[in-house]
Each structure stands twice: as structure tokens, then as C-alpha cells.
N, C-alpha and C. Protein backbone atom coordinates (compact mmCIF):
# COMPACT_ATOMS: atom_id res chain seq x y z
N UNK A 1 12.43 -22.34 19.26
CA UNK A 1 11.41 -21.43 19.32
C UNK A 1 11.71 -20.57 17.72
N UNK A 2 10.23 -20.63 17.34
CA UNK A 2 10.04 -19.72 15.82
C UNK A 2 9.29 -18.74 16.05
N UNK A 3 10.08 -17.88 16.11
CA UNK A 3 9.63 -16.17 15.81
C UNK A 3 9.31 -15.56 14.51
N UNK A 4 8.02 -15.38 14.57
CA UNK A 4 7.64 -15.09 13.28
C UNK A 4 7.36 -13.72 13.19
N UNK A 5 8.01 -12.90 11.91
CA UNK A 5 7.52 -11.48 11.98
C UNK A 5 6.24 -11.27 11.51
N UNK A 6 5.63 -10.44 11.87
CA UNK A 6 4.18 -10.08 11.79
C UNK A 6 3.32 -11.09 12.24
N UNK A 7 4.04 -11.51 13.27
CA UNK A 7 3.13 -12.72 14.23
C UNK A 7 1.97 -11.66 14.96
N UNK A 8 1.04 -12.28 15.63
CA UNK A 8 0.16 -11.68 16.44
C UNK A 8 1.03 -12.04 17.81
N UNK A 9 0.45 -10.78 18.53
CA UNK A 9 1.41 -10.81 20.05
C UNK A 9 0.34 -10.52 21.15
N UNK A 10 0.25 -11.21 22.14
CA UNK A 10 -0.53 -11.35 23.27
C UNK A 10 -0.31 -11.25 24.56
N UNK A 11 -0.77 -9.93 25.32
CA UNK A 11 -0.15 -9.91 26.29
C UNK A 11 -0.82 -10.98 27.30
N UNK A 12 -1.04 -10.22 28.83
CA UNK A 12 -1.50 -11.56 29.92
C UNK A 12 -3.29 -10.95 29.71
N UNK A 13 -3.64 -9.61 29.29
CA UNK A 13 -4.96 -9.31 28.93
C UNK A 13 -5.71 -9.49 27.66
N UNK A 14 -4.94 -10.44 26.46
CA UNK A 14 -5.53 -10.63 25.24
C UNK A 14 -4.61 -10.07 24.05
N UNK A 15 -5.56 -9.73 23.30
CA UNK A 15 -4.81 -9.50 21.91
C UNK A 15 -4.04 -8.04 22.15
N UNK A 16 -2.71 -8.05 21.84
CA UNK A 16 -2.32 -6.52 22.23
C UNK A 16 -1.62 -6.09 20.66
N UNK A 17 -0.93 -6.89 19.64
CA UNK A 17 -0.84 -5.98 18.46
C UNK A 17 0.00 -7.04 17.78
N UNK A 18 0.74 -6.38 16.55
CA UNK A 18 1.84 -7.45 15.89
C UNK A 18 3.66 -7.12 16.33
N UNK A 19 4.19 -8.18 15.83
CA UNK A 19 5.49 -7.97 15.85
C UNK A 19 6.04 -7.49 14.88
N UNK A 20 6.51 -6.56 14.40
CA UNK A 20 7.11 -5.91 13.42
C UNK A 20 8.76 -5.90 13.60
N UNK A 21 9.40 -5.94 14.47
CA UNK A 21 10.89 -5.86 14.08
C UNK A 21 11.43 -6.56 14.99
N UNK A 22 12.80 -7.50 14.89
CA UNK A 22 13.12 -8.31 15.86
C UNK A 22 14.85 -7.20 16.10
N UNK A 23 14.83 -6.98 17.11
CA UNK A 23 16.36 -6.58 17.62
C UNK A 23 17.38 -7.03 17.94
N UNK A 24 18.41 -7.24 17.03
CA UNK A 24 19.73 -8.14 17.25
C UNK A 24 20.78 -7.58 17.56
N UNK A 25 21.72 -8.63 17.62
CA UNK A 25 23.37 -7.85 17.78
C UNK A 25 24.09 -8.56 16.26
N UNK A 26 24.31 -7.70 15.61
CA UNK A 26 24.60 -8.08 14.33
C UNK A 26 25.85 -9.26 14.39
N UNK A 27 26.83 -9.30 15.06
CA UNK A 27 27.83 -9.79 15.36
C UNK A 27 27.50 -11.22 15.80
N UNK A 28 26.82 -11.20 17.08
CA UNK A 28 26.70 -12.84 17.81
C UNK A 28 25.23 -13.05 17.27
N UNK A 29 24.30 -12.41 16.68
CA UNK A 29 23.20 -12.95 16.11
C UNK A 29 22.20 -13.44 17.33
N UNK A 30 22.47 -12.66 17.90
CA UNK A 30 21.73 -12.73 19.83
C UNK A 30 20.35 -11.80 19.90
N UNK A 31 19.10 -12.14 19.39
CA UNK A 31 18.04 -11.04 19.82
C UNK A 31 17.81 -10.79 21.22
N UNK A 32 18.09 -9.46 21.06
CA UNK A 32 17.92 -9.01 22.80
C UNK A 32 16.38 -8.17 22.42
N UNK A 33 15.77 -7.91 21.58
CA UNK A 33 14.19 -7.08 22.08
C UNK A 33 13.29 -7.69 20.64
N UNK A 34 12.23 -7.15 20.98
CA UNK A 34 11.17 -7.33 19.42
C UNK A 34 10.26 -5.91 19.65
N UNK A 35 9.79 -5.06 18.55
CA UNK A 35 9.45 -4.45 18.61
C UNK A 35 7.61 -5.05 18.16
N UNK A 36 6.94 -3.89 19.31
CA UNK A 36 5.21 -4.71 18.90
C UNK A 36 4.54 -3.20 19.05
N UNK A 37 4.28 -3.48 17.52
CA UNK A 37 3.19 -2.13 17.43
C UNK A 37 1.69 -2.43 17.71
N UNK A 38 0.94 -1.93 19.21
CA UNK A 38 0.06 -2.33 19.18
C UNK A 38 -1.28 -1.76 18.18
N UNK A 39 -2.22 -2.78 18.68
CA UNK A 39 -3.39 -2.75 17.08
C UNK A 39 -4.23 -1.61 17.15
N UNK A 40 -4.21 -0.78 18.81
CA UNK A 40 -4.99 0.83 18.54
C UNK A 40 -3.84 1.63 18.07
N UNK A 41 -2.52 1.27 17.83
CA UNK A 41 -1.48 2.07 17.42
C UNK A 41 -1.13 3.40 18.49
N UNK A 42 -1.39 3.25 19.80
CA UNK A 42 -1.57 3.63 20.92
C UNK A 42 -0.13 4.20 21.34
N UNK A 43 0.53 2.72 21.51
CA UNK A 43 1.70 2.55 21.71
C UNK A 43 2.32 1.69 21.33
N UNK A 44 3.83 1.51 21.30
CA UNK A 44 5.27 0.80 20.30
C UNK A 44 6.05 0.31 20.75
N UNK A 45 5.95 -0.11 22.26
CA UNK A 45 6.95 -0.89 22.96
C UNK A 45 8.27 -1.73 22.52
N UNK A 46 9.18 -1.61 23.08
CA UNK A 46 10.52 -2.19 22.82
C UNK A 46 10.76 -3.38 23.78
N UNK A 47 9.98 -4.36 23.53
CA UNK A 47 10.14 -5.54 24.36
C UNK A 47 11.03 -6.32 24.75
N UNK A 48 11.88 -6.56 25.77
CA UNK A 48 13.03 -7.45 25.88
C UNK A 48 12.70 -9.03 25.97
N UNK A 49 13.60 -9.69 25.16
CA UNK A 49 13.02 -11.15 24.64
C UNK A 49 12.57 -11.87 25.98
N UNK A 50 13.12 -11.70 26.81
CA UNK A 50 13.34 -12.50 28.19
C UNK A 50 11.58 -12.38 28.68
N UNK A 51 11.00 -11.47 27.98
CA UNK A 51 9.31 -11.50 28.02
C UNK A 51 8.58 -12.47 27.59
N UNK A 52 9.05 -12.95 26.67
CA UNK A 52 8.30 -13.63 25.75
C UNK A 52 7.74 -15.10 26.55
N UNK A 53 6.79 -15.11 26.72
CA UNK A 53 6.39 -16.27 27.28
C UNK A 53 6.22 -17.21 26.77
N UNK A 54 5.68 -17.55 25.91
CA UNK A 54 5.29 -19.01 24.78
C UNK A 54 5.27 -17.99 23.40
N UNK A 55 5.98 -18.95 22.06
CA UNK A 55 6.15 -18.65 20.92
C UNK A 55 5.98 -19.70 20.03
N UNK A 56 5.13 -19.34 19.36
CA UNK A 56 4.74 -20.61 18.02
C UNK A 56 4.51 -20.10 17.26
N UNK A 57 4.36 -20.49 15.65
CA UNK A 57 4.44 -19.76 14.68
C UNK A 57 2.96 -19.09 14.43
N UNK A 58 3.49 -17.50 14.11
CA UNK A 58 2.10 -16.54 13.85
C UNK A 58 1.56 -16.46 15.27
N UNK A 59 2.20 -16.47 16.46
CA UNK A 59 1.53 -16.07 17.71
C UNK A 59 3.00 -16.04 18.71
N UNK A 60 2.74 -15.06 19.27
CA UNK A 60 3.55 -14.86 20.52
C UNK A 60 3.23 -14.53 21.76
N UNK A 61 3.39 -15.03 22.96
CA UNK A 61 2.56 -14.73 24.12
C UNK A 61 3.42 -14.02 24.98
N UNK A 62 3.16 -12.86 25.57
CA UNK A 62 4.51 -12.39 26.32
C UNK A 62 3.72 -12.24 27.85
N UNK A 63 4.41 -12.16 29.14
CA UNK A 63 4.33 -12.14 30.19
C UNK A 63 4.38 -11.04 30.87
N UNK A 64 3.53 -9.97 30.35
CA UNK A 64 3.20 -8.78 30.75
C UNK A 64 1.94 -8.33 30.66
N UNK A 65 1.46 -6.83 31.21
CA UNK A 65 -0.10 -6.50 31.20
C UNK A 65 0.18 -5.59 30.23
N UNK A 66 -1.06 -5.03 29.55
CA UNK A 66 -0.78 -3.93 28.66
C UNK A 66 0.08 -2.47 29.20
N UNK A 67 -0.35 -2.53 30.56
CA UNK A 67 0.42 -1.23 31.34
C UNK A 67 1.79 -1.23 31.50
N UNK A 68 2.05 -2.25 31.63
CA UNK A 68 3.64 -2.75 31.85
C UNK A 68 4.14 -2.51 30.09
N UNK A 69 3.80 -2.97 29.12
CA UNK A 69 4.38 -2.67 27.99
C UNK A 69 4.20 -1.00 27.74
N UNK A 70 2.85 -0.56 27.60
CA UNK A 70 2.95 1.10 28.15
C UNK A 70 4.06 1.78 28.64
N UNK A 71 4.58 1.30 29.88
CA UNK A 71 5.68 1.62 30.22
C UNK A 71 6.96 1.53 29.63
N UNK A 72 7.07 0.57 28.41
CA UNK A 72 8.32 0.38 27.90
C UNK A 72 8.98 1.66 27.22
N UNK A 73 10.47 1.46 27.01
CA UNK A 73 10.98 2.25 26.05
C UNK A 73 10.01 2.07 24.80
N UNK A 74 9.73 3.16 23.80
CA UNK A 74 8.92 3.28 22.64
C UNK A 74 9.87 3.02 21.52
N UNK A 75 9.66 2.00 20.68
CA UNK A 75 10.50 1.73 19.52
C UNK A 75 10.61 2.95 18.72
N UNK A 76 9.77 3.64 18.32
CA UNK A 76 9.46 4.54 17.27
C UNK A 76 9.15 6.29 18.44
N UNK A 77 10.24 6.87 17.97
CA UNK A 77 10.27 7.96 18.92
C UNK A 77 9.93 9.39 17.84
N UNK A 78 9.16 10.77 18.51
CA UNK A 78 8.88 11.20 17.75
C UNK A 78 9.88 12.27 18.13
N UNK A 79 10.39 13.10 16.99
CA UNK A 79 11.43 14.17 17.50
C UNK A 79 11.37 15.44 16.84
N UNK A 80 11.38 16.43 17.07
CA UNK A 80 11.06 17.82 16.38
C UNK A 80 12.22 18.42 15.94
N UNK A 81 12.77 18.71 14.63
CA UNK A 81 13.87 19.49 14.36
C UNK A 81 13.31 21.05 13.78
N UNK A 82 14.31 22.03 14.37
CA UNK A 82 13.85 22.99 13.79
C UNK A 82 14.57 23.73 12.83
N UNK A 83 13.98 23.87 11.84
CA UNK A 83 14.84 24.01 10.56
C UNK A 83 15.19 25.92 10.49
N UNK A 84 15.64 26.53 9.46
CA UNK A 84 16.12 27.38 9.17
C UNK A 84 15.17 28.30 8.06
N UNK A 85 13.99 28.81 8.51
CA UNK A 85 13.09 29.10 7.93
C UNK A 85 13.68 30.20 6.93
N UNK A 86 14.55 31.16 7.46
CA UNK A 86 14.93 32.09 6.48
C UNK A 86 15.55 31.41 5.21
N UNK A 87 16.55 30.38 5.58
CA UNK A 87 17.34 29.94 4.53
C UNK A 87 16.33 29.01 3.48
N UNK A 88 15.05 28.51 3.88
CA UNK A 88 14.33 27.59 3.26
C UNK A 88 13.61 28.63 2.10
N UNK A 89 13.26 29.61 2.67
CA UNK A 89 12.62 30.59 1.88
C UNK A 89 13.14 31.35 0.87
N UNK A 90 14.28 31.95 1.19
CA UNK A 90 15.63 32.07 0.47
C UNK A 90 15.83 31.40 -0.90
N UNK A 91 16.18 29.97 -0.33
CA UNK A 91 16.61 28.93 -1.24
C UNK A 91 15.03 28.50 -2.24
N UNK A 92 13.74 28.64 -1.85
CA UNK A 92 12.94 28.65 -2.56
C UNK A 92 12.70 29.83 -3.59
N UNK A 93 12.93 30.74 -3.07
CA UNK A 93 12.83 31.89 -3.67
C UNK A 93 13.81 32.04 -4.73
N UNK A 94 15.07 31.78 -4.44
CA UNK A 94 15.92 32.09 -5.35
C UNK A 94 16.10 30.52 -6.59
N UNK A 95 15.31 29.60 -6.21
CA UNK A 95 15.52 28.68 -6.80
C UNK A 95 14.16 28.86 -8.21
N UNK A 96 13.21 29.43 -7.87
CA UNK A 96 11.81 29.89 -8.14
C UNK A 96 12.32 31.31 -9.83
N UNK A 97 13.29 31.85 -9.14
CA UNK A 97 13.89 32.89 -9.71
C UNK A 97 14.55 32.57 -11.04
N UNK A 98 15.49 31.33 -10.39
CA UNK A 98 16.48 30.87 -11.44
C UNK A 98 15.81 30.58 -12.78
N UNK A 99 14.58 29.76 -12.37
CA UNK A 99 13.77 29.13 -13.84
C UNK A 99 13.39 30.05 -14.30
N UNK A 100 13.10 31.41 -14.05
CA UNK A 100 12.80 32.59 -15.00
C UNK A 100 14.03 33.25 -15.27
N UNK A 101 15.13 32.64 -15.47
CA UNK A 101 16.38 33.23 -15.46
C UNK A 101 16.48 34.68 -15.32
N UNK A 102 16.24 34.85 -14.03
CA UNK A 102 16.04 36.33 -13.29
C UNK A 102 17.68 36.18 -12.80
N UNK A 103 18.67 36.95 -12.83
CA UNK A 103 19.72 36.96 -12.29
C UNK A 103 20.13 37.65 -11.18
N UNK A 104 19.21 38.04 -10.52
CA UNK A 104 19.49 38.65 -9.06
C UNK A 104 17.87 38.26 -8.36
N UNK A 105 17.91 38.44 -6.92
CA UNK A 105 17.17 38.15 -6.17
C UNK A 105 16.74 39.68 -5.51
N UNK A 106 15.44 40.24 -5.55
CA UNK A 106 14.89 41.49 -5.14
C UNK A 106 14.60 41.15 -3.60
N UNK A 107 14.87 42.21 -2.98
CA UNK A 107 14.62 42.55 -1.56
C UNK A 107 13.52 43.64 -1.27
N UNK A 108 13.11 43.51 -0.37
CA UNK A 108 13.14 42.82 0.89
C UNK A 108 12.61 41.83 0.96
N UNK A 109 12.95 40.42 1.72
CA UNK A 109 12.07 39.41 2.11
C UNK A 109 11.44 39.66 3.38
N UNK A 110 10.40 39.05 3.81
CA UNK A 110 9.95 38.87 5.27
C UNK A 110 9.91 37.59 5.96
N UNK A 111 10.85 37.50 6.80
CA UNK A 111 10.80 35.82 7.17
C UNK A 111 10.28 35.90 8.74
N UNK A 112 9.57 35.04 9.04
CA UNK A 112 9.21 35.29 10.80
C UNK A 112 10.54 34.81 11.68
N UNK A 113 9.94 35.23 12.97
CA UNK A 113 11.39 35.58 13.68
C UNK A 113 11.51 34.16 14.33
N UNK A 114 10.60 33.16 14.58
CA UNK A 114 11.05 31.64 15.13
C UNK A 114 11.05 31.02 13.65
N UNK A 115 11.83 30.05 14.76
CA UNK A 115 12.19 28.50 13.15
C UNK A 115 11.33 27.66 13.18
N UNK A 116 11.15 27.07 11.85
CA UNK A 116 10.09 26.27 11.01
C UNK A 116 10.23 24.76 12.29
N UNK A 117 9.15 24.08 12.68
CA UNK A 117 9.65 23.09 12.93
C UNK A 117 9.29 21.67 12.32
N UNK A 118 9.59 20.61 12.21
CA UNK A 118 9.26 19.60 11.39
C UNK A 118 9.48 18.29 12.36
N UNK A 119 8.56 17.31 12.69
CA UNK A 119 8.01 16.19 12.90
C UNK A 119 8.83 15.38 12.53
N UNK A 120 9.48 14.35 12.94
CA UNK A 120 10.43 13.09 12.56
C UNK A 120 10.02 12.06 13.54
N UNK A 121 9.82 10.92 12.92
CA UNK A 121 9.82 9.56 13.59
C UNK A 121 11.49 9.15 13.33
N UNK A 122 11.65 8.78 14.67
CA UNK A 122 12.63 7.73 14.07
C UNK A 122 12.66 6.48 15.36
N UNK A 123 13.57 5.44 14.76
CA UNK A 123 13.45 4.14 15.62
C UNK A 123 14.61 4.41 16.92
N UNK A 124 14.17 4.24 17.90
CA UNK A 124 15.06 3.87 19.03
C UNK A 124 15.76 2.52 19.13
N UNK A 125 16.75 2.50 18.77
CA UNK A 125 17.18 1.01 19.05
C UNK A 125 18.62 1.13 19.36
N UNK A 126 18.73 0.02 20.49
CA UNK A 126 20.15 -0.09 21.52
C UNK A 126 21.11 0.26 20.89
N UNK A 127 22.00 0.81 21.30
CA UNK A 127 23.11 0.99 20.51
C UNK A 127 24.08 -0.36 20.19
N UNK A 128 24.50 -0.08 18.87
CA UNK A 128 25.27 -1.49 18.53
C UNK A 128 24.25 -2.85 17.75
N UNK A 129 22.93 -2.31 17.90
CA UNK A 129 22.18 -3.22 17.16
C UNK A 129 21.39 -2.91 16.14
N UNK A 130 20.45 -3.86 15.40
CA UNK A 130 20.09 -3.94 14.29
C UNK A 130 18.37 -4.01 14.59
N UNK A 131 17.55 -3.09 13.97
CA UNK A 131 16.18 -3.76 13.80
C UNK A 131 15.99 -4.32 12.28
N UNK A 132 15.45 -5.55 12.32
CA UNK A 132 15.02 -6.87 11.10
C UNK A 132 13.61 -6.52 11.37
N UNK A 133 13.11 -6.32 9.87
CA UNK A 133 11.67 -6.59 9.86
C UNK A 133 11.43 -7.57 8.80
N UNK A 134 10.46 -8.12 8.90
CA UNK A 134 9.74 -8.96 8.06
C UNK A 134 9.36 -8.27 6.13
N UNK A 135 10.36 -9.35 5.38
CA UNK A 135 10.62 -8.59 4.49
C UNK A 135 12.22 -7.88 3.84
N UNK A 136 12.59 -8.01 4.60
CA UNK A 136 14.13 -7.50 4.83
C UNK A 136 14.83 -8.64 3.45
N UNK A 137 15.60 -7.96 2.87
CA UNK A 137 15.78 -8.71 1.31
C UNK A 137 17.38 -9.81 1.68
N UNK A 138 17.33 -10.77 0.76
CA UNK A 138 18.41 -11.85 1.69
C UNK A 138 19.35 -11.90 -0.09
N UNK A 139 20.41 -11.62 0.14
CA UNK A 139 21.17 -11.65 -0.94
C UNK A 139 22.13 -12.68 -1.02
N UNK A 140 22.35 -13.56 -1.79
CA UNK A 140 23.37 -14.27 -1.68
C UNK A 140 24.80 -13.89 -2.04
N UNK A 141 25.99 -14.88 -2.01
CA UNK A 141 27.29 -14.07 -2.68
C UNK A 141 27.70 -13.64 -3.80
N UNK A 142 26.97 -13.82 -4.67
CA UNK A 142 27.08 -13.37 -6.22
C UNK A 142 26.39 -12.09 -6.33
N UNK A 143 25.77 -11.24 -5.15
CA UNK A 143 25.09 -10.32 -5.21
C UNK A 143 23.77 -10.26 -5.55
N UNK A 144 23.08 -11.74 -5.82
CA UNK A 144 21.47 -11.50 -6.50
C UNK A 144 20.97 -11.63 -5.29
N UNK A 145 19.40 -10.76 -5.05
CA UNK A 145 18.51 -11.16 -4.10
C UNK A 145 18.02 -12.41 -4.64
N UNK A 146 17.39 -13.27 -3.53
CA UNK A 146 17.43 -14.61 -3.68
C UNK A 146 15.61 -14.74 -2.76
N UNK A 147 15.47 -13.68 -2.11
CA UNK A 147 14.44 -13.96 -1.05
C UNK A 147 14.37 -12.87 -0.06
N UNK A 148 13.14 -13.13 0.58
CA UNK A 148 13.08 -12.31 1.60
C UNK A 148 12.84 -12.79 3.05
N UNK A 149 13.34 -12.35 4.24
CA UNK A 149 13.44 -12.50 5.73
C UNK A 149 11.83 -12.65 6.21
N UNK A 150 11.35 -13.90 6.65
CA UNK A 150 10.12 -14.65 7.32
C UNK A 150 9.98 -14.40 8.44
N UNK A 151 11.15 -15.31 8.92
CA UNK A 151 10.88 -15.62 10.36
C UNK A 151 12.38 -15.90 11.21
N UNK A 152 12.81 -16.30 11.93
CA UNK A 152 14.01 -16.75 12.59
C UNK A 152 13.56 -18.21 13.88
N UNK A 153 14.53 -18.67 13.61
CA UNK A 153 14.45 -19.94 15.00
C UNK A 153 15.52 -19.61 15.49
N UNK A 154 14.96 -19.34 16.88
CA UNK A 154 16.14 -18.90 18.08
C UNK A 154 16.17 -19.81 18.86
N UNK A 155 17.47 -20.43 19.36
CA UNK A 155 18.05 -21.60 20.09
C UNK A 155 17.33 -20.96 21.24
N UNK A 156 16.89 -22.32 22.21
CA UNK A 156 16.29 -21.85 23.58
C UNK A 156 17.52 -21.63 24.25
N UNK A 157 17.21 -20.75 25.52
CA UNK A 157 18.47 -20.63 26.44
C UNK A 157 19.45 -19.43 26.47
N UNK A 158 19.94 -19.44 24.97
CA UNK A 158 20.73 -18.35 24.84
C UNK A 158 20.59 -17.03 23.86
N UNK A 159 18.89 -17.35 23.48
CA UNK A 159 18.09 -16.40 22.24
C UNK A 159 19.22 -15.80 21.37
N UNK A 160 19.91 -17.05 21.00
CA UNK A 160 20.73 -16.91 19.64
C UNK A 160 20.03 -17.19 18.42
N UNK A 161 20.44 -16.68 17.29
CA UNK A 161 19.46 -17.42 16.26
C UNK A 161 20.02 -18.40 15.69
N UNK A 162 19.59 -19.61 15.59
CA UNK A 162 19.89 -20.56 14.66
C UNK A 162 19.83 -20.69 13.32
N UNK A 163 18.71 -20.60 12.48
CA UNK A 163 18.46 -20.32 11.58
C UNK A 163 17.50 -19.06 10.87
N UNK A 164 17.58 -18.74 10.03
CA UNK A 164 16.66 -17.99 9.39
C UNK A 164 15.61 -18.67 8.15
N UNK A 165 14.45 -17.74 8.22
CA UNK A 165 13.44 -18.36 7.18
C UNK A 165 13.38 -17.75 6.47
N UNK A 166 13.85 -18.42 5.15
CA UNK A 166 13.72 -16.93 4.21
C UNK A 166 12.52 -17.56 2.72
N UNK A 167 12.30 -16.41 2.83
CA UNK A 167 10.70 -16.51 1.50
C UNK A 167 11.23 -16.81 0.27
N UNK A 168 10.79 -17.72 -0.67
CA UNK A 168 11.01 -17.57 -2.16
C UNK A 168 9.99 -17.45 -2.61
N UNK A 169 9.56 -15.93 -3.21
CA UNK A 169 8.07 -15.64 -4.26
C UNK A 169 7.99 -16.06 -5.77
N UNK A 170 7.43 -16.79 -6.09
CA UNK A 170 7.39 -17.14 -7.18
C UNK A 170 5.71 -16.86 -7.71
N UNK A 171 5.62 -16.70 -8.94
CA UNK A 171 4.36 -16.47 -9.39
C UNK A 171 3.04 -17.17 -9.33
N UNK A 172 3.51 -18.60 -9.04
CA UNK A 172 2.62 -19.44 -8.63
C UNK A 172 2.66 -20.10 -7.41
N UNK A 173 3.71 -19.77 -6.47
CA UNK A 173 3.57 -20.55 -5.00
C UNK A 173 4.72 -19.69 -4.24
N UNK A 174 4.44 -20.10 -3.29
CA UNK A 174 5.29 -19.61 -1.80
C UNK A 174 6.47 -20.46 -1.50
N UNK A 175 7.51 -20.63 -1.39
CA UNK A 175 8.82 -21.64 -0.88
C UNK A 175 9.31 -20.81 0.21
N UNK A 176 9.04 -21.71 1.46
CA UNK A 176 10.24 -21.38 2.32
C UNK A 176 11.62 -22.24 2.53
N UNK A 177 12.94 -21.60 2.49
CA UNK A 177 13.98 -21.85 3.05
C UNK A 177 14.47 -21.80 3.92
N UNK A 178 15.12 -23.09 4.84
CA UNK A 178 15.90 -22.93 5.97
C UNK A 178 17.19 -22.87 6.04
N UNK A 179 17.82 -21.58 6.40
CA UNK A 179 19.00 -21.45 6.08
C UNK A 179 19.58 -21.08 7.82
N UNK A 180 21.13 -21.86 7.60
CA UNK A 180 21.71 -21.75 9.31
C UNK A 180 22.30 -20.42 8.97
N UNK A 181 22.64 -20.27 10.58
CA UNK A 181 23.03 -19.05 10.92
C UNK A 181 24.59 -19.05 10.25
N UNK A 182 25.51 -19.92 9.85
CA UNK A 182 26.76 -20.43 9.58
C UNK A 182 26.81 -19.92 8.43
N UNK A 183 25.72 -19.83 7.57
CA UNK A 183 25.87 -19.20 6.21
C UNK A 183 25.67 -17.87 6.07
N UNK A 184 25.29 -17.02 7.08
CA UNK A 184 25.31 -15.45 6.93
C UNK A 184 26.63 -14.73 7.34
N UNK A 185 26.95 -13.76 6.28
CA UNK A 185 28.31 -13.38 6.50
C UNK A 185 28.17 -12.12 7.33
N UNK A 186 26.87 -11.47 6.85
CA UNK A 186 26.77 -10.01 7.60
C UNK A 186 24.96 -9.76 7.64
N UNK A 187 24.56 -8.95 8.65
CA UNK A 187 23.13 -8.27 8.61
C UNK A 187 23.21 -6.92 8.94
N UNK A 188 22.80 -6.35 7.58
CA UNK A 188 21.98 -4.75 7.84
C UNK A 188 20.57 -4.48 7.85
N UNK A 189 20.59 -3.40 8.40
CA UNK A 189 19.13 -3.01 8.51
C UNK A 189 18.20 -4.07 7.54
N UNK A 190 18.26 -4.32 6.56
CA UNK A 190 17.39 -4.07 4.91
C UNK A 190 17.67 -5.22 4.47
N UNK A 191 18.91 -5.87 5.01
CA UNK A 191 19.60 -6.88 3.83
C UNK A 191 20.59 -7.65 5.06
N UNK A 192 20.05 -9.01 4.21
CA UNK A 192 20.81 -10.02 5.13
C UNK A 192 21.85 -10.49 4.08
N UNK A 193 23.31 -10.72 4.21
CA UNK A 193 24.33 -11.05 3.06
C UNK A 193 24.38 -12.62 3.92
N UNK A 194 24.57 -13.17 2.26
CA UNK A 194 25.03 -14.70 2.74
C UNK A 194 26.38 -15.24 2.18
N UNK A 195 26.89 -16.36 2.86
CA UNK A 195 28.11 -16.60 2.27
C UNK A 195 27.98 -17.79 1.24
N UNK A 196 26.69 -18.27 0.71
CA UNK A 196 26.85 -19.27 -0.26
C UNK A 196 25.82 -18.53 -1.40
N UNK A 197 25.96 -19.42 -2.47
CA UNK A 197 25.15 -19.06 -3.86
C UNK A 197 24.00 -19.64 -3.96
N UNK A 198 23.36 -18.95 -5.33
CA UNK A 198 22.16 -19.60 -5.14
C UNK A 198 21.66 -21.08 -5.59
N UNK A 199 22.79 -21.41 -5.93
CA UNK A 199 22.86 -23.20 -6.03
C UNK A 199 22.48 -23.66 -4.86
N UNK A 200 23.61 -23.29 -4.17
CA UNK A 200 23.77 -24.00 -2.73
C UNK A 200 22.22 -23.58 -1.90
N UNK A 201 22.05 -22.58 -2.07
CA UNK A 201 20.19 -22.09 -1.61
C UNK A 201 19.55 -23.12 -2.01
N UNK A 202 19.47 -23.52 -3.22
CA UNK A 202 18.62 -24.07 -3.76
C UNK A 202 18.44 -25.74 -3.15
N UNK A 203 19.73 -26.09 -2.77
CA UNK A 203 19.74 -27.55 -2.15
C UNK A 203 19.38 -27.44 -0.74
N UNK A 204 18.96 -26.29 -0.05
CA UNK A 204 18.93 -26.47 1.28
C UNK A 204 17.15 -26.64 1.53
N UNK A 205 16.67 -27.42 2.44
CA UNK A 205 15.18 -27.85 2.67
C UNK A 205 14.50 -26.64 2.05
N UNK A 206 13.54 -26.65 1.17
CA UNK A 206 12.15 -25.93 0.79
C UNK A 206 11.10 -26.69 1.43
N UNK A 207 10.21 -25.70 1.91
CA UNK A 207 8.64 -25.94 2.49
C UNK A 207 7.54 -25.27 1.83
N UNK A 208 6.48 -25.80 0.94
CA UNK A 208 5.94 -24.63 0.75
C UNK A 208 4.86 -24.04 1.84
N UNK A 209 5.01 -22.64 1.82
CA UNK A 209 4.08 -22.38 2.86
C UNK A 209 2.56 -21.53 2.13
N UNK A 210 1.69 -21.07 3.55
CA UNK A 210 0.42 -20.40 3.61
C UNK A 210 0.30 -19.73 4.94
N UNK A 211 0.47 -18.38 4.52
CA UNK A 211 -0.10 -17.66 6.05
C UNK A 211 -1.57 -17.10 5.80
N UNK A 212 -1.88 -16.82 6.98
CA UNK A 212 -3.13 -15.93 6.95
C UNK A 212 -3.13 -14.82 6.12
N UNK A 213 -2.29 -14.04 6.46
CA UNK A 213 -2.21 -12.89 5.38
C UNK A 213 -1.83 -12.88 4.24
N UNK A 214 -1.52 -14.16 3.39
CA UNK A 214 -1.26 -14.15 2.05
C UNK A 214 -2.53 -13.80 1.42
């Protein structure tokens, strides 16, 4: 199964959105969920991998309806943080006075009784797992960034990554390199660390590619 990041995603009722992230266990390299951004941006469900009916390059077909997708846990959760408004005003006023070499702060200040609420979006990732997006950097064992993640090859049956498809960007063309999972040392949110050096990467199969969004 070739799982393309940024691929079109279809529900049982037609085009639903785009695959933005794969959720995987960093030790086992098993993909557990995909994050799908609905094209109207009303929902952003975290879809278990078992709901993938068919997967071809640039296209993922799900075995569920938009209504079922809307009931799945969201990948992005909105949280509201109550900040200490009094402290914020005090610090801003103190900073402004210090710019003018004022050695003291004049009182009184007037503060609202309630706190200041700030909205924040957070990724709802299952505990112990990571969300990998298209464009995450790939670093060789000499700490040099050699490309970005484009796709995953997933073994049928166990949902374990067998290879990553890394994109090498040049001024004149794009090349894809197929890197076996055995060459991966560690996976972080925005970085995949390899056990091999750039020369060994260059010896791996290279394929000229073009995507419709390029």
C-alpha cells in the first residue's frame, strides 16, 4: 500500500478532503491513524487505518460516510487558556516604562476582574505516537538534511512502514528515493533520522516524479 501525504481522500459519498498527517508509533513504525482535513474545513477527523478501503498513489478511499467521519475524534482540538490579565498588563507597562528609563512604576493600575482567554489549537495525537506530515525533513547520519518525506510504503496486513519515499529537490527537477525502514534510526514529529550517509542514499533507487500539485 502506497500512502501519499497530501493525497485526495474519498468517503463513501465522494471527495471528502486531504490526508495531512500519518500517525505512527515511532518504535514499531506501525501506522495507526491518518488525519484528514475536510475540504470545507468543517471537520478534521483522526481516522483509524482500518477504515482505508483502497489506497493508490495520490488517492485514499475510506469505507465510511461523512457523517461517520464527523463523529470520529478530531485531530485538531481547540483549547482555551485563561491568562493572568493583571500580570500581562503589569509586564507590558513595566517594559514600556523601562524603555524611557523610568526607575519606578506609577500606581494605581486598573485591571479587569476576569482573566484574559486565549484560543489555542492543539494536535490530539494518541499517547506515545507521532504525527508525520508531508515535507518533514530527512536527516542523514552526518546531520545533513538530504530531503523531505513524500510518501510511505506500508506492508499489507500489519500496517507497518516498509519504506519511506523521500523527495530530493533540485533547481531543475525532483527525484524520489526509496529508503527502507531498516535505514531509519529515529522518527520525530518533523524529522526522520537515518542510519546511512548521503553517499549511501545516492546509491538507492531514484525515480523522477511529478505530482499534480507541483
